[in-house]
Amino acid sequence: MKTYILILLIACISLAYPADKSTRKANDNVIFSVSAKEHFARPNGKLTLLFHLLPKDGYHINIENKPAMVVKLDSPSVAKLIGAPIVSALPKTVFLDDSKPASQVITLADSLSAGTITLHGTLMYYYCSEKEGWCSRFNQAFEIPVTIKPTKK
């Protein structure tokens, strides 16, 4: 019985604290959401992803690092990145202006059919603790449904 409880305890701890912190779904210090600027897209069309990052009190997103943010899409056959993410800094700082979303333009494959698809990817960014004086990289997984309209004839 003791062995069973010990195995159960180890399993719970490993689920709560994964070995690779970058694979966690959410950052406890940054509220994250993703949306699209456009309500729909067409095959071979462009779409702008908007990443909303709101650090909790005592934290900030550092955009001094090069690159400040990196977007990766899980299905390059469905969508491709155009350029790098666009971020805005607070005046006279290297901190993300969290009143404006970071954005990434993508182009969709011309082979897509009308309907809804879900884009999956990762946004990598750096966040810092002002009180404790440290910064860390975080890989935020995301998914967003996209409505594909038929190509105009």
Protein backbone atom coordinates (compact mmCIF):
# COMPACT_ATOMS: atom_id res chain seq x y z
CA MET A 1 0.00 0.00 0.00
CA LYS A 2 2.85 2.38 0.86
CA THR A 3 4.44 1.73 -2.53
CA TYR A 4 1.16 2.53 -4.29
CA ILE A 5 0.79 5.83 -2.40
CA LEU A 6 4.43 6.75 -3.12
CA ILE A 7 3.99 6.08 -6.86
CA LEU A 8 0.78 8.13 -6.90
CA LEU A 9 2.51 11.00 -5.08
CA ILE A 10 5.46 11.01 -7.51
CA ALA A 11 3.07 10.98 -10.48
CA CYS A 12 1.14 13.97 -9.10
CA ILE A 13 4.32 15.94 -8.43
CA SER A 14 5.69 15.26 -11.93
CA LEU A 15 2.42 16.44 -13.49
CA ALA A 16 2.39 19.61 -11.40
CA TYR A 17 6.06 20.41 -12.00
CA PRO A 18 7.22 19.21 -15.44
CA ALA A 19 10.98 18.79 -15.85
CA ASP A 20 11.03 21.20 -18.79
CA LYS A 21 9.29 24.35 -17.56
CA SER A 22 9.04 25.66 -21.14
CA THR A 23 6.38 23.03 -21.91
CA ARG A 24 3.91 24.35 -19.32
CA LYS A 25 0.68 25.65 -20.80
CA ALA A 26 0.56 28.94 -18.86
CA ASN A 27 2.89 31.36 -17.15
CA ASP A 28 1.69 32.12 -13.62
CA ASN A 29 3.15 35.64 -13.85
CA VAL A 30 1.77 36.69 -17.24
CA ILE A 31 -1.85 36.62 -18.40
CA PHE A 32 -1.83 35.50 -22.04
CA SER A 33 -4.38 35.39 -24.84
CA VAL A 34 -4.25 35.19 -28.61
CA SER A 35 -6.72 36.50 -31.18
CA ALA A 36 -6.80 37.38 -34.86
CA LYS A 37 -7.20 40.87 -36.26
CA GLU A 38 -9.36 39.57 -39.10
CA HIS A 39 -12.64 37.71 -38.60
CA PHE A 40 -11.88 35.28 -41.44
CA ALA A 41 -9.23 34.51 -44.04
CA ARG A 42 -9.07 33.03 -47.50
CA PRO A 43 -6.74 30.38 -48.88
CA ASN A 44 -3.38 32.01 -49.73
CA GLY A 45 -4.52 35.06 -47.71
CA LYS A 46 -2.88 36.88 -44.84
CA LEU A 47 -3.92 36.83 -41.21
CA THR A 48 -2.57 38.88 -38.30
CA LEU A 49 -2.21 37.07 -34.99
CA LEU A 50 -2.44 39.32 -31.92
CA PHE A 51 -0.67 38.23 -28.75
CA HIS A 52 -1.91 39.93 -25.58
CA LEU A 53 0.57 39.70 -22.70
CA LEU A 54 -0.32 41.27 -19.36
CA PRO A 55 2.35 40.79 -16.69
CA LYS A 56 1.15 40.69 -13.10
CA ASP A 57 2.32 43.44 -10.72
CA GLY A 58 6.07 43.28 -10.18
CA TYR A 59 6.82 41.66 -13.56
CA HIS A 60 7.46 42.94 -17.07
CA ILE A 61 8.07 41.54 -20.54
CA ASN A 62 11.60 42.37 -21.65
CA ILE A 63 11.95 43.12 -25.38
CA GLU A 64 15.64 44.05 -25.18
CA ASN A 65 16.74 40.51 -26.14
CA LYS A 66 17.26 39.82 -29.80
CA PRO A 67 14.88 38.44 -30.84
CA ALA A 68 12.40 39.82 -28.30
CA MET A 69 9.76 37.30 -29.32
CA VAL A 70 9.63 34.30 -31.62
CA VAL A 71 6.51 32.69 -33.07
CA LYS A 72 6.59 29.09 -34.26
CA LEU A 73 3.69 27.38 -36.01
CA ASP A 74 3.23 23.63 -35.65
CA SER A 75 1.93 23.10 -39.20
CA PRO A 76 4.06 24.89 -41.82
CA SER A 77 1.98 23.21 -44.53
CA VAL A 78 -1.08 25.17 -43.29
CA ALA A 79 0.45 28.60 -42.54
CA LYS A 80 3.81 30.37 -42.80
CA LEU A 81 5.22 33.34 -40.93
CA ILE A 82 5.82 36.63 -42.71
CA GLY A 83 8.68 38.47 -41.03
CA ALA A 84 9.16 38.72 -37.28
CA PRO A 85 6.69 39.63 -34.54
CA ILE A 86 6.02 43.34 -34.14
CA VAL A 87 6.27 44.61 -30.55
CA SER A 88 5.91 48.06 -28.98
CA ALA A 89 8.02 49.30 -26.06
CA LEU A 90 6.99 51.62 -23.29
CA PRO A 91 8.64 55.03 -23.81
CA LYS A 92 12.31 55.13 -22.72
CA THR A 93 12.31 51.47 -21.64
CA VAL A 94 13.02 47.99 -22.94
CA PHE A 95 9.66 46.77 -21.58
CA LEU A 96 6.72 45.65 -23.68
CA ASP A 97 3.88 48.16 -23.83
CA ASP A 98 1.20 45.75 -22.60
CA SER A 99 -1.58 48.11 -23.69
CA LYS A 100 -0.82 47.03 -27.28
CA PRO A 101 -0.70 43.43 -28.48
CA ALA A 102 2.37 42.02 -30.17
CA SER A 103 1.47 40.93 -33.70
CA GLN A 104 2.62 38.36 -36.23
CA VAL A 105 1.48 38.28 -39.85
CA ILE A 106 1.07 34.85 -41.42
CA THR A 107 0.02 33.62 -44.83
CA LEU A 108 -2.29 30.66 -45.19
CA ALA A 109 -1.76 27.80 -47.63
CA ASP A 110 -3.64 28.03 -50.92
CA SER A 111 -4.76 24.40 -50.53
CA LEU A 112 -7.07 25.14 -47.57
CA SER A 113 -10.78 24.42 -47.95
CA ALA A 114 -13.62 26.52 -46.59
CA GLY A 115 -14.40 25.78 -42.96
CA THR A 116 -12.69 26.22 -39.62
CA ILE A 117 -9.12 25.20 -38.87
CA THR A 118 -7.17 25.51 -35.64
CA LEU A 119 -3.67 26.94 -35.77
CA HIS A 120 -1.30 25.62 -33.10
CA GLY A 121 2.01 27.19 -32.20
CA THR A 122 4.33 28.64 -29.60
CA LEU A 123 5.20 32.21 -28.63
CA MET A 124 8.62 32.54 -26.97
CA TYR A 125 9.20 35.68 -24.87
CA TYR A 126 11.26 36.90 -21.91
CA TYR A 127 9.66 38.01 -18.66
CA CYS A 128 11.38 39.49 -15.61
CA SER A 129 10.77 39.88 -11.88
CA GLU A 130 11.41 43.45 -10.82
CA LYS A 131 11.53 42.53 -7.12
CA GLU A 132 13.84 39.53 -7.41
CA GLY A 133 15.95 40.83 -10.32
CA TRP A 134 15.80 37.84 -12.66
CA CYS A 135 14.59 37.21 -16.21
CA SER A 136 13.47 33.96 -17.79
CA ARG A 137 12.47 32.75 -21.23
CA PHE A 138 9.01 31.26 -21.58
CA ASN A 139 7.47 29.20 -24.38
CA GLN A 140 3.72 29.84 -24.42
CA ALA A 141 1.71 27.29 -26.38
CA PHE A 142 -1.30 28.69 -28.19
CA GLU A 143 -4.12 27.63 -30.45
CA ILE A 144 -6.58 29.76 -32.34
CA PRO A 145 -9.53 28.80 -34.55
CA VAL A 146 -9.55 30.45 -37.97
CA THR A 147 -12.54 30.58 -40.30
CA ILE A 148 -11.56 29.96 -43.92
CA LYS A 149 -13.88 31.49 -46.51
CA PRO A 150 -13.97 30.18 -50.08
CA THR A 151 -11.81 31.97 -52.62
CA LYS A 152 -13.70 34.65 -54.54
CA LYS A 153 -14.47 33.63 -58.11
